[in-house]
Amino acid sequence: MNKHYHLIGIGGIGMSGIAMLLLRQGERVSGSDLKESVITNELSSLGAMIFIGHSPDNIKSADVVIYSSAIKEDNPEFQGAKKRKVTLVRRAQALAELMRDLSVITVAGSHGKTTTSSMAAYLLLEAGLKPSIAVGGIFKNIDTNAYLGEGNYFVAEADESDGSFLCYNPDYSIITNIDREHLDFYLDFESEIKAFKEFIYKTKPAGCVFACADDLNLKNILKSYTGRNVFFGLNKGPGFYADNIKIEGLSSAFDCFFQNRFVDRFKLSLGGRHNISNALAVIALGLELKIGIDVIKAALVGYKGAGRRLEEKIKNDRYSVFDDYAHHPTEIKATLSAVKNLSFDRLIAIFQPHRFSRTQLLLDEFGGSFEAADIVIITDIYPASEQPIPGITGMRIYDKIKERSPDKNVVFLAKEDIIEYVLKNIQPRDLIITLGAGDITGICDELVQRLKG
């Protein structure tokens, strides 16, 4: 008889992926979340029993309870599971179990995980390898974040935010970068670097680590690593690198070299230099797996990207609207740099900070993240289950931007006032982009509807 799995926080992108994989394996699945969403409705249509709100009654028939890092121990379902002695499993542990007996490819890093992992997954799909997939966003080529394949490979995004990526023992690891992120968990950057080092060392000896050579912390870690490793990056070096880069709008082309030898010229259906770096990692992986160059070239052209990663909502002669998940200063800079290659007169960036702790820890960096924007709109912090920190508000980011660039056109607005402000101030040939990992995407969608109407 199949087990009954219950997922606390089933509407989250990572948890929903596990739920989908379990459902497609024929398991009984239930789950709870605080509110109904597109994701919970889709899971319901696939056969999951969905509860809105958390209650111990929701888990009364469960054999295994899976919980995300956002779930605290005082959650009533978590407590109910402990009281009933039901097996409690972290999200990453559940994913590791789903990967068992397969050849695992993980993608880790502070930035670029979802794009790189879904691009790698698409390459394996195009190569006919039928991989299973679990990534942290909607992978547009297959319109889902999780897929149960028939092949021997499993491509997964490895989340470092709570240290749970240390649950995996991959055959192949891609690490895009290490940045000052999730310091609410790690407390200091040295501890974060140590965790990435441990993750790298968990890669199986017969496998390979692919690491970005442009990241000095990664290079330092790999100096003492005795397993196989291959570097990739935008700067010339001994690994894979790009040259003769040409970016046109939201696409690019580049020559790929390996050990200073020309490999081929590749085209990528994504803008931004950071995505060329991500593509180099996928090229390196593809060649390691002995996938043909022509297949790799076709996959990079055919890859459609991931949801909320420079996602185009409207683009016409009057104005353009994009939505992006960027919520860290490095990501904001990269995203705004990428859209600079488009044709427009003014760039309007609308940013919703994500978490009080991140805002507090990276205040100075946020202050210098919006230099590419002509107009910046800052709104209130999306708490993401955190309690407020006294004195830490979205207004602090506004102050930091003005402190750094006194003449910058910056406004601070309540979320409910953003749309009317934009509609009142928009001009022909404006490009508007919403940024953040919270619910700012809802503002973007509403703005799009208003502009279309």
Protein backbone atom coordinates (compact mmCIF):
# COMPACT_ATOMS: atom_id res chain seq x y z
CA MET A 1 0.00 0.00 0.00
CA ASN A 2 1.33 3.44 -0.91
CA LYS A 3 2.31 5.83 1.85
CA HIS A 4 0.36 9.00 2.55
CA TYR A 5 2.62 12.05 2.40
CA HIS A 6 1.48 15.37 3.86
CA LEU A 7 3.36 18.57 2.97
CA ILE A 8 3.18 21.59 5.26
CA GLY A 9 3.48 24.67 3.04
CA ILE A 10 2.60 22.74 -0.11
CA GLY A 11 2.02 25.94 -2.11
CA GLY A 12 5.70 26.93 -2.03
CA ILE A 13 7.65 26.44 -5.23
CA GLY A 14 10.03 23.86 -3.73
CA MET A 15 7.37 21.95 -1.80
CA SER A 16 4.98 21.86 -4.75
CA GLY A 17 7.71 20.28 -6.87
CA ILE A 18 8.08 17.42 -4.40
CA ALA A 19 4.29 17.03 -4.24
CA MET A 20 4.09 16.79 -8.05
CA LEU A 21 6.83 14.16 -8.19
CA LEU A 22 5.14 12.09 -5.47
CA LEU A 23 1.77 12.34 -7.22
CA ARG A 24 3.28 11.23 -10.52
CA GLN A 25 4.78 8.24 -8.72
CA GLY A 26 1.27 7.29 -7.65
CA GLU A 27 1.65 8.22 -3.98
CA ARG A 28 -1.16 9.63 -1.82
CA VAL A 29 -0.49 13.33 -1.22
CA SER A 30 -2.12 15.98 0.92
CA GLY A 31 -0.88 19.37 1.98
CA SER A 32 -1.72 22.65 3.63
CA ASP A 33 -0.99 26.28 2.98
CA LEU A 34 -2.19 29.60 4.32
CA LYS A 35 -3.98 30.57 1.12
CA GLU A 36 -5.25 29.15 -2.13
CA SER A 37 -3.09 29.77 -5.18
CA VAL A 38 -2.55 28.71 -8.78
CA ILE A 39 -0.10 26.12 -7.46
CA THR A 40 -2.48 24.61 -4.88
CA ASN A 41 -5.26 24.49 -7.47
CA GLU A 42 -2.99 22.66 -9.91
CA LEU A 43 -1.96 20.15 -7.24
CA SER A 44 -5.61 19.60 -6.38
CA SER A 45 -6.36 18.86 -10.04
CA LEU A 46 -3.54 16.28 -10.00
CA GLY A 47 -5.15 14.49 -7.05
CA ALA A 48 -3.70 16.11 -3.93
CA MET A 49 -5.98 16.88 -0.99
CA ILE A 50 -5.41 20.56 -0.19
CA PHE A 51 -6.19 22.21 3.15
CA ILE A 52 -6.23 25.99 3.51
CA GLY A 53 -4.89 26.79 6.94
CA HIS A 54 -2.84 24.64 9.33
CA SER A 55 -4.48 22.23 11.77
CA PRO A 56 -3.42 18.97 13.47
CA ASP A 57 -6.54 17.37 11.94
CA ASN A 58 -4.99 17.78 8.48
CA ILE A 59 -2.33 15.15 9.18
CA LYS A 60 -4.44 12.53 10.96
CA SER A 61 -3.96 9.86 8.26
CA ALA A 62 -0.43 10.84 7.15
CA ASP A 63 2.47 8.37 7.27
CA VAL A 64 5.13 11.00 6.50
CA VAL A 65 5.01 14.76 7.05
CA ILE A 66 7.32 16.90 4.90
CA TYR A 67 7.98 20.49 5.93
CA SER A 68 9.76 23.44 4.37
CA SER A 69 12.34 25.69 6.01
CA ALA A 70 9.63 28.35 6.39
CA ILE A 71 7.73 26.10 8.83
CA LYS A 72 8.60 26.64 12.48
CA GLU A 73 8.36 24.02 15.19
CA ASP A 74 5.36 25.74 16.76
CA ASN A 75 3.31 25.05 13.62
CA PRO A 76 0.21 23.06 14.73
CA GLU A 77 0.74 20.36 12.09
CA PHE A 78 4.42 20.01 12.99
CA GLN A 79 3.44 19.69 16.65
CA GLY A 80 0.68 17.24 15.78
CA ALA A 81 3.12 15.06 13.87
CA LYS A 82 5.54 15.02 16.81
CA LYS A 83 2.74 14.13 19.21
CA ARG A 84 1.55 11.27 17.00
CA LYS A 85 5.16 10.20 16.30
CA VAL A 86 4.64 10.58 12.56
CA THR A 87 7.88 10.65 10.56
CA LEU A 88 8.95 14.28 9.99
CA VAL A 89 11.15 14.96 6.97
CA ARG A 90 12.72 18.19 5.74
CA ARG A 91 12.04 19.19 2.14
CA ALA A 92 15.63 18.56 1.04
CA GLN A 93 15.63 15.12 2.67
CA ALA A 94 12.47 14.21 0.77
CA LEU A 95 14.03 15.38 -2.49
CA ALA A 96 17.21 13.42 -1.75
CA GLU A 97 15.09 10.30 -1.31
CA LEU A 98 13.38 10.90 -4.67
CA MET A 99 16.84 11.15 -6.26
CA ARG A 100 18.04 7.84 -4.81
CA ASP A 101 19.52 5.40 -7.35
CA LEU A 102 19.68 8.08 -10.07
CA SER A 103 22.60 10.04 -11.49
CA VAL A 104 22.15 13.42 -9.81
CA ILE A 105 23.02 16.84 -11.24
CA THR A 106 22.63 19.69 -8.75
CA VAL A 107 22.93 23.42 -9.31
CA ALA A 108 23.88 25.57 -6.32
CA GLY A 109 24.91 29.19 -5.87
CA SER A 110 23.71 32.47 -4.43
CA HIS A 111 22.36 33.63 -7.80
CA GLY A 112 21.32 32.00 -11.06
CA LYS A 113 20.30 28.58 -9.71
CA THR A 114 16.84 28.42 -11.27
CA THR A 115 17.95 29.61 -14.71
CA THR A 116 21.00 27.33 -14.78
CA SER A 117 19.21 24.23 -13.46
CA SER A 118 16.26 24.59 -15.84
CA MET A 119 18.63 25.27 -18.77
CA ALA A 120 20.58 22.13 -17.87
CA ALA A 121 17.34 20.17 -17.57
CA TYR A 122 16.23 21.38 -20.99
CA LEU A 123 19.53 20.28 -22.50
CA LEU A 124 19.04 16.76 -21.12
CA LEU A 125 15.46 16.70 -22.37
CA GLU A 126 16.58 17.75 -25.85
CA ALA A 127 19.31 15.11 -25.76
CA GLY A 128 16.66 12.43 -25.19
CA LEU A 129 17.93 11.55 -21.71
CA LYS A 130 14.45 11.87 -20.12
CA PRO A 131 15.60 13.38 -16.80
CA SER A 132 13.54 13.95 -13.69
CA ILE A 133 13.53 17.64 -12.76
CA ALA A 134 12.99 19.77 -9.66
CA VAL A 135 13.77 23.48 -9.99
CA GLY A 136 12.87 26.61 -8.06
CA GLY A 137 10.64 28.30 -10.63
CA ILE A 138 8.27 27.58 -13.46
CA PHE A 139 10.41 26.17 -16.26
CA LYS A 140 8.69 27.64 -19.31
CA ASN A 141 9.65 24.93 -21.80
CA ILE A 142 7.59 22.38 -19.84
CA ASP A 143 5.37 24.85 -17.92
CA THR A 144 6.10 23.34 -14.52
CA ASN A 145 8.77 23.24 -11.82
CA ALA A 146 8.91 19.45 -11.49
CA TYR A 147 8.89 16.56 -13.91
CA LEU A 148 9.15 12.80 -13.43
CA GLY A 149 11.28 11.37 -16.22
CA GLU A 150 11.99 7.80 -17.25
CA GLY A 151 15.74 8.24 -17.60
CA ASN A 152 18.69 7.81 -15.27
CA TYR A 153 19.32 11.50 -14.54
CA PHE A 154 17.81 13.86 -11.96
CA VAL A 155 18.45 17.61 -12.35
CA ALA A 156 17.76 19.57 -9.17
CA GLU A 157 18.22 23.06 -7.83
CA ALA A 158 20.09 22.85 -4.52
CA ASP A 159 18.91 25.42 -1.99
CA GLU A 160 21.61 26.78 0.30
CA SER A 161 19.32 29.16 2.20
CA ASP A 162 18.95 26.87 5.24
CA GLY A 163 21.95 24.60 4.69
CA SER A 164 19.70 21.82 3.41
CA PHE A 165 21.72 21.39 0.21
CA LEU A 166 24.09 19.35 2.35
CA CYS A 167 21.50 16.55 2.21
CA TYR A 168 22.60 15.76 -1.36
CA ASN A 169 25.43 13.63 -2.72
CA PRO A 170 25.41 14.62 -6.39
CA ASP A 171 27.31 13.04 -9.23
CA TYR A 172 27.72 16.42 -10.92
CA SER A 173 27.58 19.83 -9.25
CA ILE A 174 27.35 23.28 -10.83
CA ILE A 175 28.13 26.20 -8.51
CA THR A 176 27.37 29.58 -10.04
CA ASN A 177 28.75 31.87 -7.30
CA ILE A 178 28.94 32.55 -3.56
CA ASP A 179 27.62 35.89 -2.34
CA ARG A 180 26.65 37.45 1.00
CA GLU A 181 23.18 35.95 1.15
CA HIS A 182 21.03 34.20 3.79
CA LEU A 183 23.21 35.60 6.55
CA ASP A 184 20.21 35.39 8.86
CA PHE A 185 20.88 31.63 8.79
CA TYR A 186 24.68 31.51 8.42
CA LEU A 187 25.32 34.53 10.70
CA ASP A 188 28.56 35.38 8.87
CA PHE A 189 29.97 35.02 5.36
CA GLU A 190 32.75 32.66 6.47
CA SER A 191 30.14 30.13 7.64
CA GLU A 192 28.35 30.39 4.30
CA ILE A 193 31.61 29.76 2.41
CA LYS A 194 32.31 26.78 4.68
CA ALA A 195 28.89 25.30 3.83
CA PHE A 196 29.55 25.64 0.10
CA LYS A 197 32.91 23.95 0.57
CA GLU A 198 31.21 21.07 2.36
CA PHE A 199 28.64 20.86 -0.46
CA ILE A 200 31.40 20.68 -3.07
CA TYR A 201 33.13 17.91 -1.14
CA LYS A 202 29.89 15.90 -1.08
CA THR A 203 30.08 15.50 -4.88
CA LYS A 204 30.85 11.87 -5.67
CA PRO A 205 34.56 11.21 -6.49
CA ALA A 206 33.75 9.76 -9.92
CA GLY A 207 31.72 12.85 -10.83
CA CYS A 208 32.68 16.45 -11.55
CA VAL A 209 32.31 19.91 -10.05
CA PHE A 210 31.70 22.83 -12.43
CA ALA A 211 32.54 26.14 -10.75
CA CYS A 212 32.55 29.77 -11.83
CA ALA A 213 36.14 30.97 -12.19
CA ASP A 214 35.02 34.60 -11.84
CA ASP A 215 34.20 33.93 -8.17
CA LEU A 216 37.34 34.16 -6.03
CA ASN A 217 35.77 32.30 -3.12
CA LEU A 218 35.01 29.32 -5.34
CA LYS A 219 38.52 29.37 -6.78
CA ASN A 220 39.99 29.37 -3.28
CA ILE A 221 37.82 26.43 -2.18
CA LEU A 222 38.83 24.37 -5.19
CA LYS A 223 42.56 24.88 -4.63
CA SER A 224 42.45 22.05 -2.09
CA TYR A 225 39.79 19.96 -3.82
CA THR A 226 41.23 16.72 -5.21
CA GLY A 227 38.19 15.59 -7.18
CA ARG A 228 37.54 16.43 -10.83
CA ASN A 229 36.58 20.03 -11.41
CA VAL A 230 36.08 22.28 -14.41
CA PHE A 231 35.96 26.07 -14.36
CA PHE A 232 33.73 28.30 -16.46
CA GLY A 233 33.40 32.08 -16.60
CA LEU A 234 33.40 35.28 -18.60
CA ASN A 235 37.11 35.93 -18.19
CA LYS A 236 39.82 34.08 -20.07
CA GLY A 237 41.26 31.17 -18.14
CA PRO A 238 42.05 27.46 -18.21
CA GLY A 239 38.41 26.34 -18.26
CA PHE A 240 35.42 27.28 -20.41
CA TYR A 241 35.15 31.00 -21.18
CA ALA A 242 33.28 33.31 -23.53
CA ASP A 243 34.74 35.79 -26.01
CA ASN A 244 33.41 37.98 -28.82
CA ILE A 245 30.20 38.52 -26.88
CA LYS A 246 27.36 40.21 -28.72
CA ILE A 247 24.15 41.09 -26.88
CA GLU A 248 21.07 42.21 -28.77
CA GLY A 249 18.01 42.88 -26.64
CA LEU A 250 17.20 39.76 -24.66
CA SER A 251 19.39 37.40 -26.64
CA SER A 252 23.12 36.98 -27.03
CA ALA A 253 25.85 35.22 -28.99
CA PHE A 254 29.38 34.30 -27.96
CA ASP A 255 32.39 32.21 -28.87
CA CYS A 256 33.08 29.44 -26.37
CA PHE A 257 36.67 28.41 -25.65
CA PHE A 258 38.00 25.56 -23.53
CA GLN A 259 41.65 25.59 -22.49
CA ASN A 260 42.14 28.41 -25.01
CA ARG A 261 40.82 26.26 -27.86
CA PHE A 262 37.77 27.37 -29.81
CA VAL A 263 34.75 25.10 -29.19
CA ASP A 264 32.00 26.79 -31.24
CA ARG A 265 29.87 29.91 -31.44
CA PHE A 266 26.67 29.70 -29.42
CA LYS A 267 23.47 31.71 -29.45
CA LEU A 268 21.41 32.10 -26.28
CA SER A 269 17.78 33.19 -26.05
CA LEU A 270 18.50 35.20 -22.90
CA GLY A 271 19.97 38.64 -22.30
CA GLY A 272 22.60 39.67 -19.79
CA ARG A 273 26.24 38.70 -19.36
CA HIS A 274 25.35 36.74 -16.21
CA ASN A 275 23.24 34.38 -18.31
CA ILE A 276 26.15 33.76 -20.67
CA SER A 277 28.09 32.58 -17.63
CA ASN A 278 25.17 30.29 -16.71
CA ALA A 279 25.14 28.95 -20.28
CA LEU A 280 28.87 28.17 -20.13
CA ALA A 281 28.20 25.92 -17.13
CA VAL A 282 25.55 24.07 -19.13
CA ILE A 283 27.87 23.73 -22.14
CA ALA A 284 30.55 22.27 -19.86
CA LEU A 285 28.04 19.83 -18.37
CA GLY A 286 26.76 18.82 -21.79
CA LEU A 287 30.23 18.04 -23.11
CA GLU A 288 31.02 16.09 -19.92
CA LEU A 289 27.90 13.98 -20.59
CA LYS A 290 29.03 13.53 -24.22
CA ILE A 291 26.04 15.38 -25.63
CA GLY A 292 26.68 16.56 -29.18
CA ILE A 293 27.59 20.19 -29.87
CA ASP A 294 24.63 20.61 -32.24
CA VAL A 295 22.22 19.45 -29.53
CA ILE A 296 23.77 21.87 -27.02
CA LYS A 297 23.55 24.75 -29.52
CA ALA A 298 19.90 24.00 -30.28
CA ALA A 299 19.03 23.74 -26.58
CA LEU A 300 20.50 27.18 -25.76
CA VAL A 301 18.49 28.74 -28.59
CA GLY A 302 15.30 26.87 -27.68
CA TYR A 303 15.46 27.48 -23.92
CA LYS A 304 12.60 29.83 -22.97
CA GLY A 305 13.71 30.73 -19.47
CA ALA A 306 12.05 30.46 -16.07
CA GLY A 307 9.09 32.35 -14.67
CA ARG A 308 9.87 35.71 -13.07
CA ARG A 309 13.40 35.71 -14.51
CA LEU A 310 13.37 38.78 -16.75
CA GLU A 311 9.85 37.79 -17.74
CA GLU A 312 8.39 39.94 -20.47
CA LYS A 313 4.80 40.98 -19.74
CA ILE A 314 4.27 43.67 -22.41
CA LYS A 315 6.61 44.91 -25.11
CA ASN A 316 5.31 47.21 -27.82
CA ASP A 317 6.04 50.60 -29.39
CA ARG A 318 4.51 52.48 -26.44
CA TYR A 319 6.03 50.81 -23.38
CA SER A 320 7.54 47.61 -21.98
CA VAL A 321 6.81 45.84 -18.70
CA PHE A 322 8.99 43.10 -17.19
CA ASP A 323 8.88 41.14 -13.94
CA ASP A 324 11.91 39.69 -12.18
CA TYR A 325 12.65 37.73 -9.01
CA ALA A 326 15.77 39.77 -8.17
CA HIS A 327 15.84 40.47 -4.43
CA HIS A 328 19.58 40.72 -3.67
CA PRO A 329 21.74 43.72 -4.67
CA THR A 330 23.89 41.62 -7.02
CA GLU A 331 20.78 40.27 -8.77
CA ILE A 332 19.22 43.72 -9.10
CA LYS A 333 22.37 45.09 -10.73
CA ALA A 334 22.58 42.17 -13.15
CA THR A 335 18.91 42.42 -14.12
CA LEU A 336 18.97 46.19 -14.68
CA SER A 337 22.19 45.82 -16.67
CA ALA A 338 20.50 43.19 -18.87
CA VAL A 339 17.47 45.35 -19.70
CA LYS A 340 19.78 48.25 -20.61
CA ASN A 341 20.32 46.42 -23.90
CA LEU A 342 16.68 47.01 -24.83
CA SER A 343 15.32 50.06 -26.62
CA PHE A 344 13.58 52.57 -24.32
CA ASP A 345 13.87 56.14 -23.06
CA ARG A 346 13.42 55.71 -19.28
CA LEU A 347 13.89 52.73 -16.98
CA ILE A 348 11.47 52.62 -14.03
CA ALA A 349 12.43 50.06 -11.37
CA ILE A 350 9.84 49.07 -8.74
CA PHE A 351 11.40 47.16 -5.84
CA GLN A 352 9.79 45.29 -2.97
CA PRO A 353 12.47 44.35 -0.40
CA HIS A 354 12.30 40.74 0.79
CA ARG A 355 12.81 39.96 4.49
CA PHE A 356 13.72 42.36 7.28
CA SER A 357 16.97 40.48 7.97
CA ARG A 358 18.22 40.76 4.37
CA THR A 359 17.32 44.44 4.27
CA GLN A 360 19.21 45.08 7.50
CA LEU A 361 22.31 43.09 6.49
CA LEU A 362 22.62 44.52 2.96
CA LEU A 363 21.38 48.09 3.37
CA ASP A 364 24.51 49.73 1.98
CA GLU A 365 24.61 47.37 -1.00
CA PHE A 366 20.95 48.08 -1.81
CA GLY A 367 21.79 51.77 -1.85
CA GLY A 368 24.08 51.26 -4.86
CA SER A 369 21.99 48.71 -6.75
CA PHE A 370 19.75 51.02 -8.77
CA GLU A 371 22.23 53.22 -10.61
CA ALA A 372 21.03 51.95 -14.01
CA ALA A 373 17.42 53.03 -13.32
CA ASP A 374 16.09 56.50 -14.15
CA ILE A 375 13.21 56.27 -11.65
CA VAL A 376 13.14 54.03 -8.59
CA ILE A 377 10.04 53.14 -6.59
CA ILE A 378 10.63 51.44 -3.23
CA THR A 379 7.80 49.88 -1.25
CA ASP A 380 7.33 48.11 2.08
CA ILE A 381 9.30 44.99 3.00
CA TYR A 382 7.74 41.61 2.25
CA PRO A 383 8.29 39.79 5.59
CA ALA A 384 8.33 36.15 4.34
CA SER A 385 7.31 34.90 7.82
CA GLU A 386 9.90 37.07 9.63
CA GLN A 387 9.01 39.33 12.51
CA PRO A 388 9.72 43.07 11.99
CA ILE A 389 13.10 44.41 13.10
CA PRO A 390 12.80 47.82 14.80
CA GLY A 391 14.01 50.61 12.53
CA ILE A 392 14.25 48.38 9.43
CA THR A 393 11.78 49.44 6.75
CA GLY A 394 11.73 49.93 3.00
CA MET A 395 12.24 53.62 3.71
CA ARG A 396 15.78 52.83 4.84
CA ILE A 397 16.62 51.66 1.30
CA TYR A 398 15.13 54.88 -0.06
CA ASP A 399 17.40 56.83 2.31
CA LYS A 400 20.48 54.83 1.25
CA ILE A 401 19.81 55.44 -2.45
CA LYS A 402 19.38 59.18 -1.87
CA GLU A 403 22.48 59.26 0.33
CA ARG A 404 24.50 57.70 -2.49
CA SER A 405 22.80 59.52 -5.41
CA PRO A 406 21.11 62.70 -4.13
CA ASP A 407 19.76 63.61 -7.58
CA LYS A 408 18.24 60.20 -8.26
CA ASN A 409 14.48 60.24 -8.87
CA VAL A 410 13.37 57.95 -6.02
CA VAL A 411 10.01 57.65 -4.31
CA PHE A 412 8.76 55.51 -1.46
CA LEU A 413 5.18 54.30 -1.85
CA ALA A 414 2.82 51.94 -0.09
CA LYS A 415 2.19 48.92 -2.30
CA GLU A 416 -1.42 49.89 -2.95
CA ASP A 417 -0.34 53.28 -4.32
CA ILE A 418 2.19 52.03 -6.89
CA ILE A 419 -0.12 51.38 -9.83
CA GLU A 420 -1.83 54.78 -9.73
CA TYR A 421 1.55 56.50 -9.45
CA VAL A 422 2.90 54.65 -12.48
CA LEU A 423 -0.21 55.27 -14.56
CA LYS A 424 -0.04 58.97 -13.71
CA ASN A 425 3.67 59.31 -14.54
CA ILE A 426 4.25 56.85 -17.38
CA GLN A 427 5.55 58.24 -20.66
CA PRO A 428 5.89 56.72 -24.14
CA ARG A 429 8.92 54.42 -24.49
CA ASP A 430 9.19 53.78 -20.75
CA LEU A 431 10.42 50.37 -19.58
CA ILE A 432 8.94 49.32 -16.23
CA ILE A 433 10.33 46.41 -14.24
CA THR A 434 9.07 45.01 -10.94
CA LEU A 435 11.72 43.39 -8.73
CA GLY A 436 11.43 41.19 -5.66
CA ALA A 437 10.79 37.70 -4.31
CA GLY A 438 7.53 38.57 -2.56
CA ASP A 439 4.09 39.36 -3.92
CA ILE A 440 5.18 42.32 -6.07
CA THR A 441 4.44 40.17 -9.11
CA GLY A 442 0.74 40.72 -8.37
CA ILE A 443 1.27 44.48 -8.77
CA CYS A 444 2.97 43.80 -12.09
CA ASP A 445 0.07 41.66 -13.32
CA GLU A 446 -2.49 44.28 -12.29
CA LEU A 447 -0.48 47.06 -13.92
CA VAL A 448 -0.32 45.06 -17.15
CA GLN A 449 -4.10 44.63 -17.13
CA ARG A 450 -4.62 48.35 -16.53
CA LEU A 451 -2.23 49.25 -19.35
CA LYS A 452 -3.93 46.83 -21.72
CA GLY A 453 -7.35 48.16 -20.77
